Protein backbone atom coordinates (compact mmCIF):
# COMPACT_ATOMS: atom_id res chain seq x y z
CA UNK A 1 -16.42 9.97 -9.15
CA UNK A 2 -15.76 12.19 -12.13
CA UNK A 3 -16.89 11.70 -15.67
CA UNK A 4 -14.02 11.63 -18.04
CA UNK A 5 -14.02 14.01 -21.02
CA UNK A 6 -11.52 11.77 -22.79
CA UNK A 7 -13.46 8.46 -22.60
CA UNK A 8 -12.53 7.44 -26.27
CA UNK A 9 -8.88 8.02 -25.52
CA UNK A 10 -9.09 5.93 -22.41
CA UNK A 11 -10.72 2.85 -23.88
CA UNK A 12 -8.81 -0.31 -23.17
CA UNK A 13 -6.83 -1.77 -26.05
CA UNK A 14 -4.05 -4.14 -26.91
CA UNK A 15 -3.58 -7.71 -25.60
CA UNK A 16 -1.32 -9.61 -23.36
CA UNK A 17 1.91 -10.62 -24.91
CA UNK A 18 3.83 -13.93 -24.66
CA UNK A 19 7.52 -14.59 -23.96
CA UNK A 20 9.61 -15.85 -21.14
CA UNK A 21 10.46 -13.67 -18.20
CA UNK A 22 14.13 -13.88 -18.71
CA UNK A 23 13.79 -12.82 -22.30
CA UNK A 24 11.60 -10.03 -21.27
CA UNK A 25 14.01 -8.88 -18.75
CA UNK A 26 16.61 -8.20 -21.45
CA UNK A 27 14.18 -6.45 -23.76
CA UNK A 28 12.90 -4.33 -20.80
CA UNK A 29 16.46 -2.95 -20.50
CA UNK A 30 16.39 -2.10 -24.27
CA UNK A 31 13.05 -0.20 -24.00
CA UNK A 32 14.19 1.78 -20.93
CA UNK A 33 17.42 2.73 -22.61
CA UNK A 34 15.43 4.20 -25.60
CA UNK A 35 13.52 6.58 -23.36
CA UNK A 36 13.19 10.10 -24.78
CA UNK A 37 13.90 13.38 -22.90
CA UNK A 38 10.31 14.70 -22.70
CA UNK A 39 8.51 15.07 -19.32
CA UNK A 40 8.32 11.67 -17.80
CA UNK A 41 5.31 9.53 -17.16
CA UNK A 42 4.58 7.97 -13.71
CA UNK A 43 2.88 4.60 -13.10
CA UNK A 44 2.37 3.71 -9.46
CA UNK A 45 1.21 0.20 -8.69
CA UNK A 46 0.19 -0.33 -4.97
CA UNK A 47 -0.18 -3.95 -3.80
CA UNK A 48 -2.28 -3.60 -0.73
CA UNK A 49 -1.00 -5.06 2.55
CA UNK A 50 2.23 -6.42 0.98
CA UNK A 51 4.98 -6.69 3.68
CA UNK A 52 8.64 -6.51 2.72
CA UNK A 53 9.19 -9.28 5.28
CA UNK A 54 7.33 -11.86 3.10
CA UNK A 55 9.16 -11.19 -0.18
CA UNK A 56 12.06 -13.44 -1.29
CA UNK A 57 13.51 -10.43 -3.13
CA UNK A 58 14.37 -9.13 0.27
CA UNK A 59 15.65 -12.51 1.59
CA UNK A 60 12.41 -14.24 2.84
CA UNK A 61 12.69 -17.99 3.24
CA UNK A 62 9.86 -18.92 0.88
CA UNK A 63 10.34 -18.16 -2.90
CA UNK A 64 7.37 -15.77 -3.13
CA UNK A 65 8.79 -13.47 -5.87
CA UNK A 66 10.86 -15.42 -8.38
CA UNK A 67 9.35 -13.60 -11.43
CA UNK A 68 9.83 -10.13 -10.14
CA UNK A 69 13.43 -10.92 -9.19
CA UNK A 70 14.12 -11.61 -12.93
CA UNK A 71 13.66 -7.80 -13.63
CA UNK A 72 15.52 -6.32 -10.70
CA UNK A 73 18.76 -5.97 -12.60
CA UNK A 74 17.15 -2.86 -14.24
CA UNK A 75 15.57 -1.39 -11.08
CA UNK A 76 16.36 0.47 -7.81
CA UNK A 77 15.38 -1.62 -4.87
CA UNK A 78 14.81 0.16 -1.56
CA UNK A 79 15.47 -2.14 1.39
CA UNK A 80 14.30 0.00 4.31
CA UNK A 81 11.19 1.65 3.19
CA UNK A 82 8.39 2.39 5.69
CA UNK A 83 4.63 3.11 5.49
CA UNK A 84 3.11 6.07 7.24
CA UNK A 85 0.81 3.68 9.21
CA UNK A 86 -0.38 0.18 9.43
CA UNK A 87 -3.76 0.29 7.55
CA UNK A 88 -5.02 1.74 4.32
CA UNK A 89 -6.60 5.10 5.13
CA UNK A 90 -3.56 6.76 6.77
CA UNK A 91 -0.95 4.72 4.82
CA UNK A 92 -2.43 5.65 1.46
CA UNK A 93 -2.93 9.29 2.50
CA UNK A 94 0.75 9.51 3.39
CA UNK A 95 1.76 8.06 0.10
CA UNK A 96 -0.46 10.45 -1.92
CA UNK A 97 0.22 13.66 0.16
CA UNK A 98 3.82 13.46 1.33
CA UNK A 99 2.66 13.98 4.86
CA UNK A 100 2.52 11.86 7.96
CA UNK A 101 -0.76 10.85 9.56
CA UNK A 102 -0.27 13.25 12.51
CA UNK A 103 -0.39 16.06 9.84
CA UNK A 104 -2.77 14.90 7.07
CA UNK A 105 -5.25 13.47 9.82
CA UNK A 106 -6.74 10.69 7.71
CA UNK A 107 -6.35 8.44 10.77
CA UNK A 108 -9.76 6.73 11.04
CA UNK A 109 -11.08 3.87 8.94
CA UNK A 110 -12.35 5.59 5.82
CA UNK A 111 -10.79 8.76 7.10
CA UNK A 112 -10.09 11.76 4.83
CA UNK A 113 -7.22 14.22 4.61
CA UNK A 114 -7.80 17.43 6.59
CA UNK A 115 -9.81 19.74 4.32
CA UNK A 116 -7.21 22.43 4.52
CA UNK A 117 -4.59 20.02 3.08
CA UNK A 118 -6.81 18.29 0.46
CA UNK A 119 -5.13 19.98 -2.39
CA UNK A 120 -1.81 18.67 -1.23
CA UNK A 121 -2.07 15.46 -3.28
CA UNK A 122 0.01 14.09 -6.07
CA UNK A 123 -2.64 14.60 -8.71
CA UNK A 124 -3.22 18.27 -7.92
CA UNK A 125 0.49 19.07 -7.41
CA UNK A 126 1.40 17.49 -10.84
CA UNK A 127 -1.33 19.57 -12.32
CA UNK A 128 -3.54 19.33 -15.50
CA UNK A 129 -0.43 19.09 -17.69
CA UNK A 130 -0.56 15.43 -16.86
CA UNK A 131 -3.30 13.01 -17.90
CA UNK A 132 -4.21 11.61 -14.52
CA UNK A 133 -5.90 8.24 -14.01
CA UNK A 134 -6.61 6.29 -10.87
CA UNK A 135 -8.10 2.92 -9.89
CA UNK A 136 -8.65 1.06 -6.66
CA UNK A 137 -11.02 -1.72 -5.64
CA UNK A 138 -9.99 -1.15 -1.98
CA UNK A 139 -12.88 0.94 -0.75
CA UNK A 140 -10.88 2.81 1.86
CA UNK A 141 -8.37 3.93 -0.81
CA UNK A 142 -11.23 4.77 -3.16
CA UNK A 143 -12.70 7.16 -0.54
CA UNK A 144 -9.42 9.12 -0.56
CA UNK A 145 -9.41 9.10 -4.40
CA UNK A 146 -12.92 10.36 -4.24
CA UNK A 147 -11.70 13.30 -2.08
CA UNK A 148 -9.09 14.09 -4.79
CA UNK A 149 -11.45 13.36 -7.73
CA UNK A 150 -11.48 16.95 -8.96
CA UNK A 151 -7.81 16.44 -9.79
CA UNK A 152 -8.22 13.17 -11.66
CA UNK A 153 -9.36 13.12 -15.30
CA UNK A 154 -10.34 9.47 -15.09
CA UNK A 155 -11.28 7.86 -11.73
CA UNK A 156 -12.09 4.34 -12.77
CA UNK A 157 -15.00 2.43 -11.31
CA UNK A 158 -14.33 0.12 -8.44
CA UNK A 159 -16.15 -2.60 -10.53
CA UNK A 160 -13.72 -2.33 -13.44
CA UNK A 161 -12.21 -5.70 -14.27
CA UNK A 162 -14.52 -7.49 -11.80
CA UNK A 163 -16.13 -10.78 -12.59
CA UNK A 164 -19.25 -9.92 -10.69
CA UNK A 165 -20.65 -7.21 -8.43
CA UNK A 166 -21.85 -8.79 -5.17
CA UNK A 167 -24.16 -6.17 -3.87
CA UNK A 168 -25.55 -2.67 -4.97
CA UNK A 169 -23.04 -0.02 -4.25
CA UNK A 170 -25.52 2.76 -3.41
CA UNK A 171 -22.75 5.34 -2.92
CA UNK A 172 -22.45 5.50 -6.73
CA UNK A 173 -25.61 7.57 -6.69
CA UNK A 174 -23.95 10.27 -4.69
CA UNK A 175 -21.05 11.20 -6.95
CA UNK A 176 -20.70 14.70 -5.54
CA UNK A 177 -20.07 13.51 -1.98
CA UNK A 178 -18.67 9.99 -2.52
CA UNK A 179 -16.64 9.57 0.74
CA UNK A 180 -19.57 10.22 3.03
CA UNK A 181 -21.93 8.15 1.00
CA UNK A 182 -19.44 5.32 0.92
CA UNK A 183 -19.02 5.30 4.71
CA UNK A 184 -22.74 5.42 5.24
CA UNK A 185 -23.83 2.74 2.72
CA UNK A 186 -20.82 0.43 2.25
CA UNK A 187 -19.47 0.44 5.74
CA UNK A 188 -22.15 1.41 8.36
CA UNK A 189 -25.26 -0.02 6.78
CA UNK A 190 -23.55 -3.12 5.22
CA UNK A 191 -20.78 -5.38 6.27
CA UNK A 192 -17.08 -5.28 5.34
CA UNK A 193 -13.72 -6.35 6.54
CA UNK A 194 -14.05 -4.09 9.60
CA UNK A 195 -17.87 -3.93 10.21
CA UNK A 196 -19.51 -7.28 10.81
CA UNK A 197 -22.65 -6.05 12.57
CA UNK A 198 -24.42 -4.02 9.90
CA UNK A 199 -26.92 -1.33 10.93
CA UNK A 200 -29.22 -2.21 8.07
CA UNK A 201 -30.79 -5.65 8.43
CA UNK A 202 -31.74 -5.86 4.77
CA UNK A 203 -28.40 -4.55 3.31
CA UNK A 204 -26.45 -6.66 5.79
CA UNK A 205 -28.31 -9.78 4.89
CA UNK A 206 -27.83 -9.09 1.15
CA UNK A 207 -24.14 -8.50 1.74
CA UNK A 208 -23.75 -11.72 3.74
CA UNK A 209 -25.59 -13.81 1.15
CA UNK A 210 -23.62 -12.29 -1.68
CA UNK A 211 -20.38 -12.89 0.06
CA UNK A 212 -21.16 -16.47 0.77
CA UNK A 213 -22.10 -16.97 -2.94
CA UNK A 214 -18.83 -15.44 -3.93
CA UNK A 215 -16.96 -17.93 -1.73
CA UNK A 216 -18.74 -21.02 -2.94
CA UNK A 217 -18.80 -20.14 -6.66
CA UNK A 218 -15.33 -21.31 -7.13
CA UNK A 219 -13.45 -22.35 -10.17
CA UNK A 220 -11.41 -25.55 -9.99
CA UNK A 221 -8.33 -23.43 -9.73
CA UNK A 222 -9.40 -21.38 -6.65
CA UNK A 223 -9.95 -23.73 -3.73
CA UNK A 224 -10.76 -20.84 -1.41
CA UNK A 225 -12.90 -18.97 -4.13
CA UNK A 226 -12.10 -15.95 -6.21
CA UNK A 227 -10.43 -12.99 -4.62
CA UNK A 228 -13.06 -10.47 -3.40
CA UNK A 229 -13.42 -7.18 -1.52
CA UNK A 230 -16.92 -7.62 -0.09
CA UNK A 231 -18.39 -5.74 -3.02
CA UNK A 232 -17.00 -7.53 -6.09
CA UNK A 233 -14.98 -10.60 -6.84
CA UNK A 234 -12.34 -10.78 -9.55
CA UNK A 235 -9.31 -12.59 -10.95
CA UNK A 236 -5.82 -11.21 -10.66
CA UNK A 237 -5.07 -11.73 -14.30
CA UNK A 238 -8.08 -9.65 -15.35
CA UNK A 239 -7.30 -6.74 -12.92
CA UNK A 240 -3.55 -6.53 -13.67
CA UNK A 241 -4.09 -7.28 -17.38
CA UNK A 242 -6.75 -4.59 -17.73
CA UNK A 243 -4.64 -2.02 -15.86
CA UNK A 244 -1.63 -2.77 -18.10
CA UNK A 245 -3.72 -2.14 -21.14
CA UNK A 246 -5.06 1.02 -19.68
CA UNK A 247 -1.52 2.30 -19.16
CA UNK A 248 -0.56 1.29 -22.77
CA UNK A 249 -3.50 3.46 -23.97
CA UNK A 250 -2.40 6.33 -21.79
CA UNK A 251 1.16 6.09 -23.10
CA UNK A 252 -0.09 6.40 -26.73
CA UNK A 253 -1.52 9.84 -25.96
CA UNK A 254 0.17 13.15 -26.52
CA UNK A 255 0.22 14.25 -22.87
CA UNK A 256 2.45 12.70 -20.14
CA UNK A 257 0.47 10.55 -17.79
CA UNK A 258 0.29 9.86 -14.07
CA UNK A 259 -1.54 6.60 -13.25
CA UNK A 260 -2.24 5.33 -9.67
CA UNK A 261 -3.35 1.71 -9.57
CA UNK A 262 -4.13 0.34 -6.08
CA UNK A 263 -5.18 -3.26 -6.20
CA UNK A 264 -6.47 -5.13 -3.09
CA UNK A 265 -4.34 -8.36 -3.23
CA UNK A 266 -2.40 -9.64 -1.26
CA UNK A 267 -4.76 -8.03 1.30
CA UNK A 268 -7.11 -10.53 3.11
CA UNK A 269 -8.98 -12.61 2.20
CA UNK A 270 -6.11 -14.57 0.87
CA UNK A 271 -7.51 -16.42 -2.14
CA UNK A 272 -4.74 -17.60 -4.37
CA UNK A 273 -4.91 -20.06 -7.23
CA UNK A 274 -4.32 -23.71 -6.24
CA UNK A 275 -0.96 -24.10 -7.98
CA UNK A 276 0.54 -21.37 -5.71
CA UNK A 277 -0.61 -23.07 -2.48
CA UNK A 278 0.71 -26.52 -2.97
CA UNK A 279 4.46 -25.70 -3.16
CA UNK A 280 4.37 -24.17 0.33
CA UNK A 281 2.07 -26.71 2.01
CA UNK A 282 4.81 -28.97 3.44
CA UNK A 283 8.03 -27.00 2.84
CA UNK A 284 9.15 -27.36 6.42
CA UNK A 285 9.50 -23.57 6.98
CA UNK A 286 9.37 -22.70 10.70
CA UNK A 287 8.96 -19.09 11.82
CA UNK A 288 9.74 -17.57 15.36
CA UNK A 289 6.95 -17.97 17.86
CA UNK A 290 6.36 -14.77 19.77
CA UNK A 291 4.30 -14.30 22.97
CA UNK A 292 0.68 -13.09 22.46
CA UNK A 293 0.57 -9.37 22.85
CA UNK A 294 -1.81 -7.78 25.40
CA UNK A 295 -3.27 -5.45 22.76
CA UNK A 296 -3.84 -8.19 20.16
CA UNK A 297 -7.25 -8.01 18.71
CA UNK A 298 -7.41 -11.42 16.87
CA UNK A 299 -5.70 -13.48 19.63
CA UNK A 300 -5.03 -16.33 17.25
CA UNK A 301 -3.03 -19.54 18.23
CA UNK A 302 0.28 -20.12 16.52
CA UNK A 303 -0.91 -22.92 14.34
CA UNK A 304 -3.69 -20.73 12.92
CA UNK A 305 -1.17 -17.93 12.31
CA UNK A 306 1.13 -20.26 10.44
CA UNK A 307 -1.82 -21.35 8.13
CA UNK A 308 -2.75 -17.78 7.43
CA UNK A 309 0.86 -16.95 6.67
CA UNK A 310 1.06 -19.84 4.17
CA UNK A 311 -2.05 -18.68 2.23
CA UNK A 312 -0.73 -15.12 2.36
CA UNK A 313 2.58 -16.18 0.98
CA UNK A 314 0.83 -18.21 -1.71
CA UNK A 315 -1.22 -15.10 -2.71
CA UNK A 316 2.04 -13.10 -3.06
CA UNK A 317 3.52 -15.85 -5.31
CA UNK A 318 0.27 -15.70 -7.38
CA UNK A 319 0.61 -11.90 -7.70
CA UNK A 320 4.26 -12.24 -8.60
CA UNK A 321 3.37 -14.52 -11.61
CA UNK A 322 0.79 -12.03 -12.79
CA UNK A 323 3.32 -9.22 -12.49
CA UNK A 324 5.25 -10.94 -15.16
CA UNK A 325 2.44 -10.59 -17.61
CA UNK A 326 1.70 -7.02 -16.41
CA UNK A 327 5.37 -5.94 -17.01
CA UNK A 328 5.38 -7.64 -20.43
CA UNK A 329 2.36 -5.95 -21.55
CA UNK A 330 3.65 -2.51 -20.48
CA UNK A 331 6.89 -3.17 -22.35
CA UNK A 332 5.41 -4.49 -25.49
CA UNK A 333 2.90 -1.67 -25.59
CA UNK A 334 5.50 0.97 -25.19
CA UNK A 335 4.23 2.21 -21.79
CA UNK A 336 7.64 2.02 -20.20
CA UNK A 337 9.59 4.09 -22.79
CA UNK A 338 9.58 7.30 -20.75
CA UNK A 339 7.90 6.08 -17.60
CA UNK A 340 8.93 5.69 -13.93
CA UNK A 341 7.25 2.54 -12.77
CA UNK A 342 6.88 2.39 -8.98
CA UNK A 343 5.82 -0.82 -7.21
CA UNK A 344 5.06 -0.41 -3.49
CA UNK A 345 2.39 -0.92 -0.80
CA UNK A 346 0.32 1.17 1.67
CA UNK A 347 1.30 -1.02 4.64
CA UNK A 348 2.40 -4.50 5.53
CA UNK A 349 0.95 -7.55 7.31
CA UNK A 350 1.81 -9.53 10.33
CA UNK A 351 1.35 -13.02 11.65
CA UNK A 352 2.76 -12.84 15.14
CA UNK A 353 1.95 -12.15 18.82
CA UNK A 354 -1.58 -13.57 18.39
CA UNK A 355 -2.40 -11.13 15.54
CA UNK A 356 -2.66 -11.43 11.80
CA UNK A 357 -3.34 -8.71 9.28
CA UNK A 358 -3.09 -5.03 10.13
CA UNK A 359 -5.03 -2.06 11.45
CA UNK A 360 -4.55 -2.89 15.19
CA UNK A 361 -2.47 -1.17 17.89
CA UNK A 362 0.48 -3.49 17.03
CA UNK A 363 2.99 -1.53 15.05
CA UNK A 364 5.82 -3.89 14.61
CA UNK A 365 8.25 -3.97 11.62
CA UNK A 366 6.37 -6.47 9.52
CA UNK A 367 3.25 -4.34 9.30
CA UNK A 368 5.17 -1.03 8.54
CA UNK A 369 8.17 -2.27 6.45
CA UNK A 370 6.95 -2.28 2.89
CA UNK A 371 8.54 -2.81 -0.60
CA UNK A 372 9.57 -0.14 -2.96
CA UNK A 373 10.97 -0.89 -6.39
CA UNK A 374 11.42 1.73 -9.10
CA UNK A 375 12.06 1.13 -12.74
CA UNK A 376 13.49 4.36 -14.19
CA UNK A 377 13.69 5.33 -17.92
CA UNK A 378 17.08 4.47 -19.21
CA UNK A 379 18.18 2.51 -16.08
CA UNK A 380 20.57 -0.26 -17.20
CA UNK A 381 21.77 -1.77 -13.88
CA UNK A 382 20.45 -2.59 -10.47
CA UNK A 383 20.85 -0.30 -7.55
CA UNK A 384 20.20 -1.29 -3.90
CA UNK A 385 19.40 1.46 -1.42
CA UNK A 386 19.64 0.55 2.33
CA UNK A 387 19.13 3.99 3.76
CA UNK A 388 15.85 4.60 5.56
CA UNK A 389 13.03 5.96 3.31
CA UNK A 390 9.38 6.69 3.84
CA UNK A 391 6.12 6.53 1.84
CA UNK A 392 5.99 10.31 2.27
CA UNK A 393 9.03 10.51 -0.06
CA UNK A 394 7.04 9.54 -3.14
CA UNK A 395 5.28 12.84 -3.80
CA UNK A 396 8.25 15.06 -3.48
CA UNK A 397 10.34 12.69 -5.61
CA UNK A 398 7.87 12.61 -8.45
CA UNK A 399 7.32 16.32 -8.33
CA UNK A 400 11.02 16.97 -8.59
CA UNK A 401 11.37 14.46 -11.53
CA UNK A 402 8.47 16.31 -13.30
CA UNK A 403 10.14 19.70 -12.85
CA UNK A 404 7.33 20.84 -10.56
CA UNK A 405 7.69 22.85 -7.44
CA UNK A 406 7.97 20.75 -4.22
CA UNK A 407 5.88 22.50 -1.43
CA UNK A 408 8.06 23.32 1.56
CA UNK A 409 5.43 21.86 3.97
CA UNK A 410 5.86 18.26 2.68
CA UNK A 411 7.36 15.96 5.24
CA UNK A 412 9.00 13.56 2.76
CA UNK A 413 12.12 14.17 0.72
CA UNK A 414 13.48 13.14 -2.65
CA UNK A 415 14.45 9.38 -2.69
CA UNK A 416 18.08 8.48 -2.93
CA UNK A 417 18.93 7.45 -6.52
CA UNK A 418 16.10 9.62 -7.72
CA UNK A 419 17.45 13.07 -6.91
CA UNK A 420 17.88 12.65 -3.13
CA UNK A 421 20.81 11.53 -1.08
CA UNK A 422 21.35 8.90 1.51
CA UNK A 423 21.21 10.35 5.06
CA UNK A 424 22.69 8.18 7.81
CA UNK A 425 21.03 10.13 10.61
CA UNK A 426 17.53 10.31 9.07
CA UNK A 427 14.45 9.24 11.10
CA UNK A 428 11.22 7.92 9.58
CA UNK A 429 7.85 7.54 11.40
CA UNK A 430 4.65 5.41 11.38
CA UNK A 431 1.50 6.31 13.23
CA UNK A 432 -1.58 4.32 14.41
CA UNK A 433 -4.28 6.55 15.90
CA UNK A 434 -7.51 4.92 14.61
CA UNK A 435 -9.24 5.39 18.06
CA UNK A 436 -8.28 9.01 18.42
CA UNK A 437 -10.31 11.92 17.13
CA UNK A 438 -8.79 13.45 13.98
CA UNK A 439 -9.58 16.86 15.49
CA UNK A 440 -7.80 16.47 18.85
CA UNK A 441 -4.21 15.87 20.02
CA UNK A 442 -3.07 12.23 19.55
CA UNK A 443 -3.23 11.06 23.12
CA UNK A 444 -4.50 7.62 22.31
CA UNK A 445 -2.06 6.28 19.74
CA UNK A 446 0.91 3.98 18.86
CA UNK A 447 3.85 5.70 17.17
CA UNK A 448 7.15 4.39 15.86
CA UNK A 449 10.50 5.99 14.85
CA UNK A 450 13.24 4.25 12.87
CA UNK A 451 16.69 5.75 13.15
CA UNK A 452 19.77 3.93 12.03
CA UNK A 453 19.33 0.26 12.74
CA UNK A 454 17.04 1.01 15.85
CA UNK A 455 13.27 1.01 15.93
CA UNK A 456 11.34 2.50 18.90
CA UNK A 457 7.63 1.94 19.46
CA UNK A 458 5.76 4.20 21.81
CA UNK A 459 2.23 3.31 23.05
CA UNK A 460 0.22 6.04 24.71
CA UNK A 461 -3.29 6.24 26.13
CA UNK A 462 -3.86 2.48 26.63
CA UNK A 463 -4.70 1.45 30.25
CA UNK A 464 -2.24 -0.49 32.39
CA UNK A 465 1.30 -1.33 31.33
CA UNK A 466 0.71 0.24 27.88
CA UNK A 467 -0.34 3.65 29.25
CA UNK A 468 3.16 5.02 28.47
CA UNK A 469 5.08 2.05 26.98
CA UNK A 470 8.36 2.31 25.12
CA UNK A 471 9.93 -0.61 23.23
CA UNK A 472 13.39 -0.55 21.54
CA UNK A 473 14.74 -3.00 19.00
CA UNK A 474 18.06 -3.23 17.03
CA UNK A 475 16.78 -4.51 13.64
CA UNK A 476 20.36 -5.31 12.52
CA UNK A 477 20.81 -7.91 15.30
CA UNK A 478 17.20 -8.67 15.98
CA UNK A 479 15.09 -8.36 12.84
CA UNK A 480 12.19 -10.31 14.44
CA UNK A 481 11.94 -7.83 17.32
CA UNK A 482 12.33 -10.49 20.05
CA UNK A 483 14.49 -8.58 22.46
CA UNK A 484 13.25 -5.24 23.88
CA UNK A 485 16.32 -3.08 24.65
CA UNK A 486 14.49 -0.16 26.19
CA UNK A 487 15.58 -0.83 29.81
CA UNK A 488 19.14 -1.70 28.67
CA UNK A 489 19.91 1.01 26.20
CA UNK A 490 18.19 3.86 28.04
CA UNK A 491 20.17 6.55 26.27
CA UNK A 492 19.00 5.56 22.78
CA UNK A 493 15.52 4.92 23.92
CA UNK A 494 15.24 8.39 25.62
CA UNK A 495 16.76 10.30 22.64
CA UNK A 496 14.48 8.58 20.11
CA UNK A 497 11.35 9.06 22.29
CA UNK A 498 12.19 12.76 22.74
CA UNK A 499 12.61 13.19 18.99
CA UNK A 500 9.33 11.46 18.30
CA UNK A 501 7.35 13.39 20.91
CA UNK A 502 8.83 16.76 19.84
CA UNK A 503 7.46 16.20 16.33
CA UNK A 504 4.18 14.95 17.59
CA UNK A 505 3.85 17.97 19.88
CA UNK A 506 4.37 20.36 16.88
CA UNK A 507 1.79 18.41 14.82
CA UNK A 508 -0.74 18.48 17.68
CA UNK A 509 -0.35 22.26 18.33
CA UNK A 510 -3.26 23.24 16.02
CA UNK A 511 -5.50 20.77 17.89
CA UNK A 512 -4.78 21.86 21.37
CA UNK A 513 -7.73 23.34 23.27
CA UNK A 514 -7.73 27.17 23.01
């Protein structure tokens, strides 16, 4: 973590503002229309593990995003936007570097970008002409921000806006090598979402006791306890409210700013406020039942998956309500006057085939299809983009908008509506290679390619039927991926697999044995 030299400038100020969402939607248009012509600001809000499949703004059956929908008549909404992977490390790395996981190689839990590509990050490429600020209380995303810390004036503490810190975060004592310290202390020695058998008996026990306390110390409004990330617990209104005020303070400065705010919700554990759970409890919504997948890790029965989906949907609805206050504070504080506000995610979430969550070999649409909404300065009408786009597109888009050089080796391209054009024949990719070495060819991986309305999933290196498995779905006719067309439409399957493997082969070339 870096010590800021502009601490006074970055002190939090201003307060939340009142007003109805519909009233604000109209005044938002006015503030955007008044944007000046100086170099723009960028504010990126990443809502971790938010699947486009579960948002009513994209047609989902449950009304999960009514507040956000009030503002979309002044935004560009991307309908077919895809993450680089299905969990935080590779997904966030793709978002911040403009590179796919097979290139940046942050493919493991807590993985880092290949050292030779570490300067290919949004903060470095925008340069010191921007006041750069970042926050995440997702530890895996924070590890990546730690790798890029020399390019960030203010890397905010993971405990910012928290109600309470659950356990000592010893990695804070090793600020010059945070990522390694984090993986050692917070993941290997203690427990987390992914490591439930800590190597340290004492740290592991402290962790477990603290987490239990966080779960039982509930307010009357949180039947499942406060949201938490194994290290701290917090309230959504505190986190989003604090971040909005930080952005307002940045906007009051003389330099343009680039802020990256990566919050954990709606990532598990799903702990929404009570009033967002009750409307969905007996709403009669039924979702397709899909056969359990051989590579499922959780292997949950359908009734359990349905209950988890309900609390996830409730958590999204809770976030949606707090986004109303977040946007209102930005507007009233002048932070949107010359700012591109980007709302997106690092990956999605699934509740199917025996699996819930993400970060497993299942690479279906729900875990890779993510939201992307952009409020641009001066935008006065809604635009809907249905062309395929990728998380790798964010870096080249923002660089072009800032008038900076876009490196030729980036794998993303400018987004349609923000300098780019819609390309009917474009392909976008997602990669899961968590169990593969980052320094070897990706022979044990699951990869997907979207082209047109088709999605092909290729599984390689898993014993048995999934040793060299290809699945093909037409998302236009079969959005739930229930009918595998690989044996029926062999021409499309062959062409898409060849395109996918050609690119993978090129990416693997530097890692082939000499």
